C-alpha atoms as a PDB file:
ATOM      1  CA  MET A   1      -0.413   0.505  -0.190  1.00  0.00           C
ATOM      2  CA  VAL A   2       1.306   3.617  -0.874  1.00  0.00           C
ATOM      3  CA  GLY A   3       0.223   6.660   0.593  1.00  0.00           C
ATOM      4  CA  ARG A   4      -0.308   9.813  -1.996  1.00  0.00           C
ATOM      5  CA  THR A   5       2.528  11.021  -2.516  1.00  0.00           C
ATOM      6  CA  GLY A   6       3.699   7.590  -3.646  1.00  0.00           C
ATOM      7  CA  GLY A   7       6.089   6.743  -0.662  1.00  0.00           C
ATOM      8  CA  PRO A   8       5.110   3.539   1.585  1.00  0.00           C
ATOM      9  CA  VAL A   9       2.532   3.376   4.088  1.00  0.00           C
ATOM     10  CA  VAL A  10       4.108   3.269   7.427  1.00  0.00           C
ATOM     11  CA  ALA A  11       2.493   1.361  10.062  1.00  0.00           C
ATOM     12  CA  ASP A  12       2.392   2.493  13.597  1.00  0.00           C
ATOM     13  CA  LEU A  13       5.391   0.822  15.849  1.00  0.00           C
ATOM     14  CA  GLU A  14       2.696  -0.096  18.558  1.00  0.00           C
ATOM     15  CA  ASP A  15       0.511  -2.209  15.879  1.00  0.00           C
ATOM     16  CA  ILE A  16       3.530  -4.034  14.291  1.00  0.00           C
ATOM     17  CA  GLN A  17       4.442  -4.856  17.868  1.00  0.00           C
ATOM     18  CA  ALA A  18       0.920  -6.249  18.835  1.00  0.00           C
ATOM     19  CA  CYS A  19       1.062  -8.359  15.565  1.00  0.00           C
ATOM     20  CA  ILE A  20       4.794 -10.077  16.810  1.00  0.00           C
ATOM     21  CA  ASP A  21       4.016 -10.163  20.105  1.00  0.00           C
ATOM     22  CA  SER A  22       0.373 -11.966  18.913  1.00  0.00           C
ATOM     23  CA  VAL A  23       2.158 -14.879  16.739  1.00  0.00           C
ATOM     24  CA  PHE A  24       4.946 -15.022  19.291  1.00  0.00           C
ATOM     25  CA  ASP A  25       2.712 -15.801  22.173  1.00  0.00           C
ATOM     26  CA  ARG A  26       0.160 -18.122  19.563  1.00  0.00           C
ATOM     27  CA  VAL A  27       3.544 -20.549  18.586  1.00  0.00           C
ATOM     28  CA  ASN A  28       4.741 -20.455  21.875  1.00  0.00           C
ATOM     29  CA  VAL A  29       1.201 -22.082  23.220  1.00  0.00           C
ATOM     30  CA  ARG A  30       1.105 -24.287  20.121  1.00  0.00           C
ATOM     31  CA  ILE A  31       4.525 -25.694  20.325  1.00  0.00           C
ATOM     32  CA  HIS A  32       4.164 -26.573  24.124  1.00  0.00           C
ATOM     33  CA  ALA A  33       0.967 -27.952  23.177  1.00  0.00           C
ATOM     34  CA  GLU A  34       1.691 -30.252  20.645  1.00  0.00           C
ATOM     35  CA  LEU A  35       4.806 -31.874  22.725  1.00  0.00           C
ATOM     36  CA  THR A  36       2.731 -32.253  25.582  1.00  0.00           C
ATOM     37  CA  LEU A  37       0.468 -34.078  24.287  1.00  0.00           C
ATOM     38  CA  LEU A  38       2.175 -35.816  22.316  1.00  0.00           C
ATOM     39  CA  TYR A  39       4.350 -37.481  25.113  1.00  0.00           C
ATOM     40  CA  TRP A  40       0.957 -37.993  26.734  1.00  0.00           C
ATOM     41  CA  GLN A  41      -0.644 -39.856  23.978  1.00  0.00           C
ATOM     42  CA  VAL A  42       2.708 -42.024  23.448  1.00  0.00           C
ATOM     43  CA  GLY A  43       2.318 -43.047  27.294  1.00  0.00           C
ATOM     44  CA  ARG A  44      -1.512 -43.909  26.508  1.00  0.00           C
ATOM     45  CA  LEU A  45      -0.554 -46.272  23.777  1.00  0.00           C
ATOM     46  CA  LEU A  46       2.075 -47.663  25.939  1.00  0.00           C
ATOM     47  CA  GLN A  47      -0.093 -49.032  28.585  1.00  0.00           C
ATOM     48  CA  ARG A  48      -1.153 -51.232  25.972  1.00  0.00           C
ATOM     49  CA  GLN A  49       2.579 -53.011  26.267  1.00  0.00           C
ATOM     50  CA  GLU A  50       4.229 -55.291  28.871  1.00  0.00           C
ATOM     51  CA  GLU A  51       7.098 -52.898  30.365  1.00  0.00           C
ATOM     52  CA  SER A  52       9.352 -55.248  29.623  1.00  0.00           C
ATOM     53  CA  THR A  53       9.178 -54.283  25.882  1.00  0.00           C
ATOM     54  CA  LEU A  54       9.736 -50.636  26.660  1.00  0.00           C
ATOM     55  CA  ARG A  55      13.585 -51.001  26.486  1.00  0.00           C
ATOM     56  CA  GLU A  56      13.017 -52.975  22.860  1.00  0.00           C
ATOM     57  CA  LEU A  57      10.496 -50.371  21.589  1.00  0.00           C
ATOM     58  CA  ALA A  58      12.984 -47.299  22.567  1.00  0.00           C
ATOM     59  CA  GLY A  59      15.511 -48.778  20.691  1.00  0.00           C
ATOM     60  CA  GLN A  60      13.518 -49.030  17.288  1.00  0.00           C
ATOM     61  CA  LEU A  61      11.953 -45.218  18.288  1.00  0.00           C
ATOM     62  CA  SER A  62      15.685 -44.077  18.451  1.00  0.00           C
ATOM     63  CA  GLN A  63      16.661 -45.253  15.493  1.00  0.00           C
ATOM     64  CA  GLU A  64      14.013 -43.722  13.765  1.00  0.00           C
ATOM     65  CA  TYR A  65      13.510 -40.453  15.261  1.00  0.00           C
ATOM     66  CA  GLY A  66      16.684 -39.810  17.943  1.00  0.00           C
ATOM     67  CA  LYS A  67      18.328 -40.574  21.097  1.00  0.00           C
ATOM     68  CA  VAL A  68      15.693 -38.609  22.447  1.00  0.00           C
ATOM     69  CA  TRP A  69      13.201 -41.192  22.675  1.00  0.00           C
ATOM     70  CA  ASN A  70      14.998 -43.628  25.042  1.00  0.00           C
ATOM     71  CA  VAL A  71      13.856 -45.765  28.056  1.00  0.00           C
ATOM     72  CA  SER A  72      13.399 -43.091  30.139  1.00  0.00           C
ATOM     73  CA  GLN A  73      11.941 -40.705  28.086  1.00  0.00           C
ATOM     74  CA  LEU A  74       9.288 -43.664  27.294  1.00  0.00           C
ATOM     75  CA  GLY A  75       9.530 -44.178  30.991  1.00  0.00           C
ATOM     76  CA  TYR A  76       7.957 -40.573  31.564  1.00  0.00           C
ATOM     77  CA  CYS A  77       5.350 -41.195  29.054  1.00  0.00           C
ATOM     78  CA  LEU A  78       4.055 -43.974  30.819  1.00  0.00           C
ATOM     79  CA  ARG A  79       4.256 -42.256  33.668  1.00  0.00           C
ATOM     80  CA  ALA A  80       2.344 -39.072  32.537  1.00  0.00           C
ATOM     81  CA  ALA A  81      -0.413 -41.190  31.347  1.00  0.00           C
ATOM     82  CA  ARG A  82      -0.891 -42.911  34.296  1.00  0.00           C
ATOM     83  CA  THR A  83      -0.974 -39.776  36.656  1.00  0.00           C
ATOM     84  CA  PHE A  84      -3.105 -37.056  34.586  1.00  0.00           C
ATOM     85  CA  SER A  85      -6.673 -37.532  33.383  1.00  0.00           C
ATOM     86  CA  GLU A  86      -7.454 -36.206  30.072  1.00  0.00           C
ATOM     87  CA  GLU A  87      -9.465 -33.376  32.279  1.00  0.00           C
ATOM     88  CA  GLU A  88      -6.135 -32.669  33.866  1.00  0.00           C
ATOM     89  CA  MET A  89      -4.293 -32.795  30.150  1.00  0.00           C
ATOM     90  CA  ARG A  90      -7.068 -30.052  28.855  1.00  0.00           C
ATOM     91  CA  GLU A  91      -6.180 -27.730  31.591  1.00  0.00           C
ATOM     92  CA  ALA A  92      -2.360 -28.173  31.201  1.00  0.00           C
ATOM     93  CA  VAL A  93      -2.479 -27.246  27.517  1.00  0.00           C
ATOM     94  CA  SER A  94      -4.680 -24.127  28.483  1.00  0.00           C
ATOM     95  CA  ALA A  95      -1.999 -23.612  30.957  1.00  0.00           C
ATOM     96  CA  GLN A  96       0.691 -23.383  28.645  1.00  0.00           C
ATOM     97  CA  ILE A  97       2.305 -26.027  30.914  1.00  0.00           C
ATOM     98  CA  SER A  98       5.815 -27.686  29.015  1.00  0.00           C
ATOM     99  CA  TRP A  99       6.515 -31.237  29.267  1.00  0.00           C
ATOM    100  CA  SER A 100       9.435 -30.000  31.487  1.00  0.00           C
ATOM    101  CA  HIS A 101       6.964 -28.904  34.264  1.00  0.00           C
ATOM    102  CA  MET A 102       4.527 -32.203  33.491  1.00  0.00           C
ATOM    103  CA  ARG A 103       7.385 -34.247  34.575  1.00  0.00           C
ATOM    104  CA  ARG A 104       7.883 -32.422  37.753  1.00  0.00           C
ATOM    105  CA  LEU A 105       3.689 -32.189  38.896  1.00  0.00           C
ATOM    106  CA  MET A 106       4.031 -36.223  38.418  1.00  0.00           C
ATOM    107  CA  SER A 107       6.005 -36.496  41.593  1.00  0.00           C
ATOM    108  CA  LEU A 108       2.740 -35.195  43.074  1.00  0.00           C
ATOM    109  CA  GLU A 109       0.225 -37.950  44.218  1.00  0.00           C
ATOM    110  CA  ASP A 110      -2.945 -35.358  45.047  1.00  0.00           C
ATOM    111  CA  ALA A 111      -4.648 -34.756  41.829  1.00  0.00           C
ATOM    112  CA  SER A 112      -5.844 -31.028  43.268  1.00  0.00           C
ATOM    113  CA  MET A 113      -2.148 -30.266  44.320  1.00  0.00           C
ATOM    114  CA  ARG A 114      -1.059 -31.048  40.750  1.00  0.00           C
ATOM    115  CA  GLN A 115      -4.233 -28.774  39.437  1.00  0.00           C
ATOM    116  CA  TYR A 116      -3.663 -26.115  41.751  1.00  0.00           C
ATOM    117  CA  TYR A 117       0.018 -26.133  40.795  1.00  0.00           C
ATOM    118  CA  ALA A 118      -0.190 -26.034  37.091  1.00  0.00           C
ATOM    119  CA  ARG A 119      -2.984 -23.263  37.375  1.00  0.00           C
ATOM    120  CA  GLN A 120      -0.503 -21.020  38.904  1.00  0.00           C
ATOM    121  CA  CYS A 121       2.284 -22.170  36.626  1.00  0.00           C
ATOM    122  CA  GLY A 122       0.295 -20.424  33.671  1.00  0.00           C
ATOM    123  CA  VAL A 123      -1.294 -17.597  35.537  1.00  0.00           C
ATOM    124  CA  ASN A 124       2.325 -16.708  37.059  1.00  0.00           C
ATOM    125  CA  GLY A 125       4.512 -17.741  34.179  1.00  0.00           C
ATOM    126  CA  TRP A 126       6.844 -19.754  36.747  1.00  0.00           C
ATOM    127  CA  THR A 127       9.813 -21.993  35.420  1.00  0.00           C
ATOM    128  CA  VAL A 128      10.242 -25.246  35.837  1.00  0.00           C
ATOM    129  CA  SER A 129      12.888 -24.423  39.077  1.00  0.00           C
ATOM    130  CA  GLN A 130      10.444 -21.808  40.588  1.00  0.00           C
ATOM    131  CA  LEU A 131       8.098 -24.538  40.756  1.00  0.00           C
ATOM    132  CA  ALA A 132      10.206 -26.889  42.186  1.00  0.00           C
ATOM    133  CA  GLU A 133      10.858 -24.732  44.595  1.00  0.00           C
ATOM    134  CA  ARG A 134       7.158 -23.574  45.187  1.00  0.00           C
ATOM    135  CA  ILE A 135       6.301 -27.330  45.992  1.00  0.00           C
ATOM    136  CA  ASP A 136       9.328 -27.882  48.077  1.00  0.00           C
ATOM    137  CA  SER A 137       8.129 -24.957  50.580  1.00  0.00           C
ATOM    138  CA  ARG A 138       4.616 -26.782  50.633  1.00  0.00           C
ATOM    139  CA  LEU A 139       2.931 -23.591  48.790  1.00  0.00           C
ATOM    140  CA  PHE A 140      -0.448 -25.279  48.161  1.00  0.00           C
ATOM    141  CA  GLU A 141      -0.661 -26.604  51.852  1.00  0.00           C
ATOM    142  CA  ARG A 142       0.183 -22.989  53.395  1.00  0.00           C
ATOM    143  CA  SER A 143      -1.912 -21.021  51.043  1.00  0.00           C
ATOM    144  CA  VAL A 144      -4.891 -23.130  50.125  1.00  0.00           C
ATOM    145  CA  GLY A 145      -4.469 -26.691  52.207  1.00  0.00           C
ATOM    146  CA  SER A 146      -6.768 -25.873  54.512  1.00  0.00           C
ATOM    147  CA  ARG A 147      -9.447 -24.169  51.933  1.00  0.00           C
ATOM    148  CA  ARG A 148     -12.268 -26.075  49.936  1.00  0.00           C
ATOM    149  CA  PRO A 149     -11.634 -26.450  46.502  1.00  0.00           C
ATOM    150  CA  ASP A 150     -14.014 -24.181  45.795  1.00  0.00           C
ATOM    151  CA  GLU A 151     -12.108 -21.644  47.290  1.00  0.00           C
ATOM    152  CA  LEU A 152      -8.895 -21.976  45.620  1.00  0.00           C
ATOM    153  CA  PRO A 153      -7.809 -18.670  44.254  1.00  0.00           C
ATOM    154  CA  ASN A 154      -9.099 -17.731  40.685  1.00  0.00           C
ATOM    155  CA  PRO A 155      -6.716 -17.092  37.932  1.00  0.00           C
ATOM    156  CA  GLN A 156      -8.155 -14.103  36.597  1.00  0.00           C
ATOM    157  CA  GLN A 157      -7.815 -12.312  40.223  1.00  0.00           C
ATOM    158  CA  VAL A 158      -3.991 -13.270  40.352  1.00  0.00           C
ATOM    159  CA  GLU A 159      -1.885 -10.247  38.592  1.00  0.00           C
ATOM    160  CA  MET A 160      -0.440 -12.274  35.684  1.00  0.00           C
ATOM    161  CA  GLY A 161       3.240 -11.547  34.753  1.00  0.00           C
ATOM    162  CA  ARG A 162       3.331 -11.621  31.036  1.00  0.00           C
ATOM    163  CA  ARG A 163       6.694 -12.260  29.496  1.00  0.00           C
ATOM    164  CA  SER A 164       7.023 -10.456  26.385  1.00  0.00           C
ATOM    165  CA  ALA A 165       8.240 -11.748  23.096  1.00  0.00           C
ATOM    166  CA  PRO A 166      12.056 -10.428  23.786  1.00  0.00           C
ATOM    167  CA  ASP A 167      11.422 -12.747  27.049  1.00  0.00           C
ATOM    168  CA  LEU A 168      10.097 -15.453  25.614  1.00  0.00           C
ATOM    169  CA  LEU A 169      13.025 -15.616  22.618  1.00  0.00           C
ATOM    170  CA  ALA A 170      15.679 -15.708  25.515  1.00  0.00           C
ATOM    171  CA  GLN A 171      13.766 -18.573  27.293  1.00  0.00           C
ATOM    172  CA  ASP A 172      12.270 -21.107  24.917  1.00  0.00           C
ATOM    173  CA  PRO A 173      14.330 -22.349  22.486  1.00  0.00           C
ATOM    174  CA  LEU A 174      11.628 -24.622  21.377  1.00  0.00           C
ATOM    175  CA  LEU A 175      11.166 -21.298  18.966  1.00  0.00           C
ATOM    176  CA  VAL A 176      14.329 -21.292  17.738  1.00  0.00           C
ATOM    177  CA  PHE A 177      13.756 -23.806  15.337  1.00  0.00           C
ATOM    178  CA  LEU A 178      11.245 -21.055  13.651  1.00  0.00           C
ATOM    179  CA  GLY A 179      14.088 -18.817  12.765  1.00  0.00           C
ATOM    180  CA  ILE A 180      12.853 -16.257  15.296  1.00  0.00           C
ATOM    181  CA  GLN A 181      15.879 -15.877  17.776  1.00  0.00           C
ATOM    182  CA  SER A 182      18.302 -13.870  16.572  1.00  0.00           C
ATOM    183  CA  GLN A 183      20.153 -11.890  18.827  1.00  0.00           C
ATOM    184  CA  THR A 184      22.275 -13.645  22.569  1.00  0.00           C
ATOM    185  CA  PRO A 185      20.415 -12.674  25.639  1.00  0.00           C
ATOM    186  CA  GLN A 186      22.894 -10.515  27.928  1.00  0.00           C
ATOM    187  CA  ILE A 187      22.353 -12.993  30.675  1.00  0.00           C
ATOM    188  CA  LEU A 188      24.013 -15.430  28.300  1.00  0.00           C
ATOM    189  CA  ARG A 189      26.710 -12.730  27.229  1.00  0.00           C
ATOM    190  CA  GLU A 190      27.537 -12.884  30.856  1.00  0.00           C
ATOM    191  CA  VAL A 191      27.695 -16.487  31.061  1.00  0.00           C
ATOM    192  CA  GLU A 192      30.037 -17.218  28.056  1.00  0.00           C
ATOM    193  CA  ARG A 193      32.855 -14.309  29.824  1.00  0.00           C
ATOM    194  CA  LEU A 194      32.253 -16.465  33.202  1.00  0.00           C
ATOM    195  CA  LEU A 195      33.328 -19.274  31.406  1.00  0.00           C
ATOM    196  CA  LEU A 196      35.884 -18.428  28.978  1.00  0.00           C
ATOM    197  CA  ASP A 197      37.857 -16.932  32.252  1.00  0.00           C
ATOM    198  CA  THR A 198      37.502 -20.488  33.703  1.00  0.00           C
ATOM    199  CA  PRO A 199      40.916 -22.099  32.944  1.00  0.00           C
ATOM    200  CA  GLY A 200      40.524 -24.650  30.539  1.00  0.00           C
ATOM    201  CA  PHE A 201      37.168 -23.443  28.195  1.00  0.00           C
ATOM    202  CA  THR A 202      37.321 -22.686  24.994  1.00  0.00           C
ATOM    203  CA  PHE A 203      34.925 -21.094  22.397  1.00  0.00           C
ATOM    204  CA  VAL A 204      33.344 -23.107  20.049  1.00  0.00           C
ATOM    205  CA  ALA A 205      29.862 -21.929  18.437  1.00  0.00           C
ATOM    206  CA  ARG A 206      26.943 -19.213  19.397  1.00  0.00           C
ATOM    207  CA  GLN A 207      23.625 -19.505  17.913  1.00  0.00           C
ATOM    208  CA  LYS A 208      24.696 -23.200  16.586  1.00  0.00           C
ATOM    209  CA  ARG A 209      22.135 -24.431  13.904  1.00  0.00           C
ATOM    210  CA  LEU A 210      21.657 -28.345  14.667  1.00  0.00           C
ATOM    211  CA  PRO A 211      19.557 -29.939  11.876  1.00  0.00           C
ATOM    212  CA  ILE A 212      17.628 -32.103  14.180  1.00  0.00           C
ATOM    213  CA  GLN A 213      15.318 -34.537  12.330  1.00  0.00           C
ATOM    214  CA  HIS A 214      13.092 -32.205   9.930  1.00  0.00           C
ATOM    215  CA  GLY A 215      13.781 -29.137  11.141  1.00  0.00           C
ATOM    216  CA  LEU A 216      16.709 -26.661  12.724  1.00  0.00           C
ATOM    217  CA  PHE A 217      17.282 -26.192  16.102  1.00  0.00           C
ATOM    218  CA  VAL A 218      19.563 -23.725  18.024  1.00  0.00           C
ATOM    219  CA  VAL A 219      21.981 -23.739  20.551  1.00  0.00           C
ATOM    220  CA  GLU A 220      22.249 -21.043  22.081  1.00  0.00           C
ATOM    221  CA  LEU A 221      26.106 -21.302  23.477  1.00  0.00           C
ATOM    222  CA  LEU A 222      28.388 -23.968  22.787  1.00  0.00           C
ATOM    223  CA  LEU A 223      31.721 -24.460  24.496  1.00  0.00           C
ATOM    224  CA  TYR A 224      34.430 -27.041  25.025  1.00  0.00           C
ATOM    225  CA  HIS A 225      36.416 -28.016  27.878  1.00  0.00           C
ATOM    226  CA  ARG A 226      40.373 -29.155  27.121  1.00  0.00           C
ATOM    227  CA  SER A 227      40.704 -31.592  30.672  1.00  0.00           C
ATOM    228  CA  MET A 228      37.027 -32.759  30.937  1.00  0.00           C
ATOM    229  CA  ARG A 229      37.498 -33.667  27.302  1.00  0.00           C
ATOM    230  CA  ARG A 230      33.839 -33.130  26.662  1.00  0.00           C
ATOM    231  CA  LEU A 231      31.806 -30.098  24.510  1.00  0.00           C
ATOM    232  CA  VAL A 232      29.507 -27.945  26.666  1.00  0.00           C
ATOM    233  CA  VAL A 233      25.880 -26.858  25.849  1.00  0.00           C
ATOM    234  CA  VAL A 234      24.764 -23.498  27.458  1.00  0.00           C
ATOM    235  CA  SER A 235      21.058 -22.787  27.443  1.00  0.00           C
ATOM    236  CA  GLN A 236      17.814 -20.863  28.781  1.00  0.00           C
ATOM    237  CA  GLY A 237      15.517 -23.556  27.868  1.00  0.00           C
ATOM    238  CA  ASP A 238      13.914 -26.776  29.457  1.00  0.00           C
ATOM    239  CA  GLN A 239      14.990 -30.012  29.807  1.00  0.00           C
ATOM    240  CA  ASP A 240      13.291 -31.636  26.750  1.00  0.00           C
ATOM    241  CA  MET A 241      15.324 -29.036  24.471  1.00  0.00           C
ATOM    242  CA  MET A 242      18.555 -29.816  26.151  1.00  0.00           C
ATOM    243  CA  GLU A 243      18.220 -33.284  26.126  1.00  0.00           C
ATOM    244  CA  LEU A 244      17.637 -33.274  22.392  1.00  0.00           C
ATOM    245  CA  PHE A 245      20.893 -30.743  22.117  1.00  0.00           C
ATOM    246  CA  LEU A 246      22.813 -33.488  23.881  1.00  0.00           C
ATOM    247  CA  HIS A 247      21.958 -36.817  22.307  1.00  0.00           C
ATOM    248  CA  TRP A 248      22.383 -34.792  18.773  1.00  0.00           C
ATOM    249  CA  LEU A 249      25.858 -33.490  19.910  1.00  0.00           C
ATOM    250  CA  ASP A 250      26.805 -37.118  21.274  1.00  0.00           C
ATOM    251  CA  ARG A 251      26.063 -38.641  18.199  1.00  0.00           C
ATOM    252  CA  HIS A 252      27.484 -36.281  15.344  1.00  0.00           C
ATOM    253  CA  GLU A 253      29.477 -34.074  17.266  1.00  0.00           C
ATOM    254  CA  ARG A 254      31.328 -36.334  19.788  1.00  0.00           C
ATOM    255  CA  GLN A 255      34.976 -37.403  18.452  1.00  0.00           C
ATOM    256  CA  ALA A 256      35.890 -41.000  19.726  1.00  0.00           C
ATOM    257  CA  ASP A 257      38.467 -40.089  22.570  1.00  0.00           C
ATOM    258  CA  GLU A 258      36.072 -37.664  24.583  1.00  0.00           C
ATOM    259  CA  GLU A 259      33.281 -37.778  27.193  1.00  0.00           C
ATOM    260  CA  THR A 260      29.927 -37.260  26.280  1.00  0.00           C
ATOM    261  CA  PRO A 261      28.803 -33.221  26.146  1.00  0.00           C
ATOM    262  CA  LEU A 262      28.024 -32.145  29.355  1.00  0.00           C
ATOM    263  CA  GLY A 263      24.710 -29.389  29.260  1.00  0.00           C
ATOM    264  CA  VAL A 264      24.424 -26.249  31.580  1.00  0.00           C
ATOM    265  CA  MET A 265      20.862 -25.232  31.891  1.00  0.00           C
ATOM    266  CA  LEU A 266      20.662 -22.078  33.711  1.00  0.00           C
ATOM    267  CA  GLY A 267      18.393 -21.296  36.168  1.00  0.00           C
ATOM    268  CA  GLU A 268      17.469 -18.939  39.202  1.00  0.00           C
ATOM    269  CA  GLY A 269      18.987 -20.794  41.627  1.00  0.00           C
ATOM    270  CA  GLY A 270      21.978 -21.768  39.885  1.00  0.00           C
ATOM    271  CA  PRO A 271      23.079 -24.335  36.839  1.00  0.00           C
ATOM    272  CA  GLU A 272      21.466 -27.765  36.104  1.00  0.00           C
ATOM    273  CA  LEU A 273      23.603 -30.474  34.757  1.00  0.00           C
ATOM    274  CA  LEU A 274      22.628 -33.076  32.387  1.00  0.00           C
ATOM    275  CA  GLU A 275      24.759 -35.669  30.448  1.00  0.00           C
ATOM    276  CA  VAL A 276      24.120 -38.733  28.148  1.00  0.00           C
ATOM    277  CA  GLY A 277      24.585 -42.353  30.079  1.00  0.00           C
ATOM    278  CA  GLU A 278      24.116 -45.738  29.109  1.00  0.00           C
ATOM    279  CA  ASP A 279      20.509 -45.367  29.864  1.00  0.00           C
ATOM    280  CA  GLY A 280      19.488 -42.461  29.095  1.00  0.00           C
ATOM    281  CA  ILE A 281      19.837 -38.254  30.422  1.00  0.00           C
ATOM    282  CA  ARG A 282      21.220 -38.605  34.368  1.00  0.00           C
ATOM    283  CA  ALA A 283      22.068 -35.314  36.379  1.00  0.00           C
ATOM    284  CA  PRO A 284      25.948 -36.312  36.793  1.00  0.00           C
ATOM    285  CA  ASP A 285      27.828 -35.045  39.902  1.00  0.00           C
ATOM    286  CA  TYR A 286      28.851 -31.337  39.664  1.00  0.00           C
ATOM    287  CA  PRO A 287      32.557 -31.143  38.141  1.00  0.00           C
ATOM    288  CA  ALA A 288      35.381 -29.343  39.772  1.00  0.00           C
ATOM    289  CA  ALA A 289      36.574 -27.711  36.726  1.00  0.00           C
ATOM    290  CA  LEU A 290      33.133 -25.437  36.165  1.00  0.00           C
ATOM    291  CA  PRO A 291      33.230 -22.422  38.079  1.00  0.00           C
ATOM    292  CA  ALA A 292      31.821 -22.141  41.747  1.00  0.00           C
ATOM    293  CA  ARG A 293      28.120 -22.468  41.922  1.00  0.00           C
ATOM    294  CA  GLU A 294      27.754 -19.141  43.961  1.00  0.00           C
ATOM    295  CA  LEU A 295      29.626 -17.460  40.854  1.00  0.00           C
ATOM    296  CA  TRP A 296      26.546 -18.328  38.103  1.00  0.00           C
ATOM    297  CA  ARG A 297      24.465 -15.906  40.012  1.00  0.00           C
ATOM    298  CA  LEU A 298      25.088 -13.160  37.893  1.00  0.00           C
END
């Protein structure tokens, strides 16, 4: 569209920002919903199988779809199907709960507690680490444990800490395969400086694209440590994406004389570590070669 003078019509900046924010929000919701439902549906199908066949199924799925479909992942899928009802899944999807959040909620036996925490995740935008902290502090028991179900806080009455589009991009690498993210968040730049100032670390790549399955995923920061002889992946994303990165790098980038890649997920409580083990993803001991934990509080 052109103006009367023949030049282009410049749209109002706020209108453009509103359009971008709207699309980013919808994409974020759709990706999380599809992944969460997929794993739950897989779990329902696995209920037809004997648990002794999980290892064989994992081997077949891993060959075709990648190592993310290991025995541990299938176990989580099966557990999700046994834990969450269809109603709980509908509420979780409506609240935009990720699979990593759902995995943490599996530890709660009481359905009303799971629904309360899932609702609060959606309302307040809690990360997985924040959710774990609330559960460990017994927030449900302290806040609403003595109330009747109909007295639970209404999500509409709770102030929602809405994340902007740039925040979503910085925290959620699920969107990266769409080619949306292009800038490195400040926290990652600070972490990069911290690690490169630590003996043994060398820079490999920033925003490294990985051709995984049918899409391009982006690792926010990739380093290598000489004495540990392993790649180190740093990400602000959730555990599912980190597992995907670690499996791909272990298969395609790791040299024969190197250890499996180490994943570092950034959180408010400090770094959470993951690595590829013989039976799938596991949490390793904290290596002495990494900076002291208190130095991560940037």
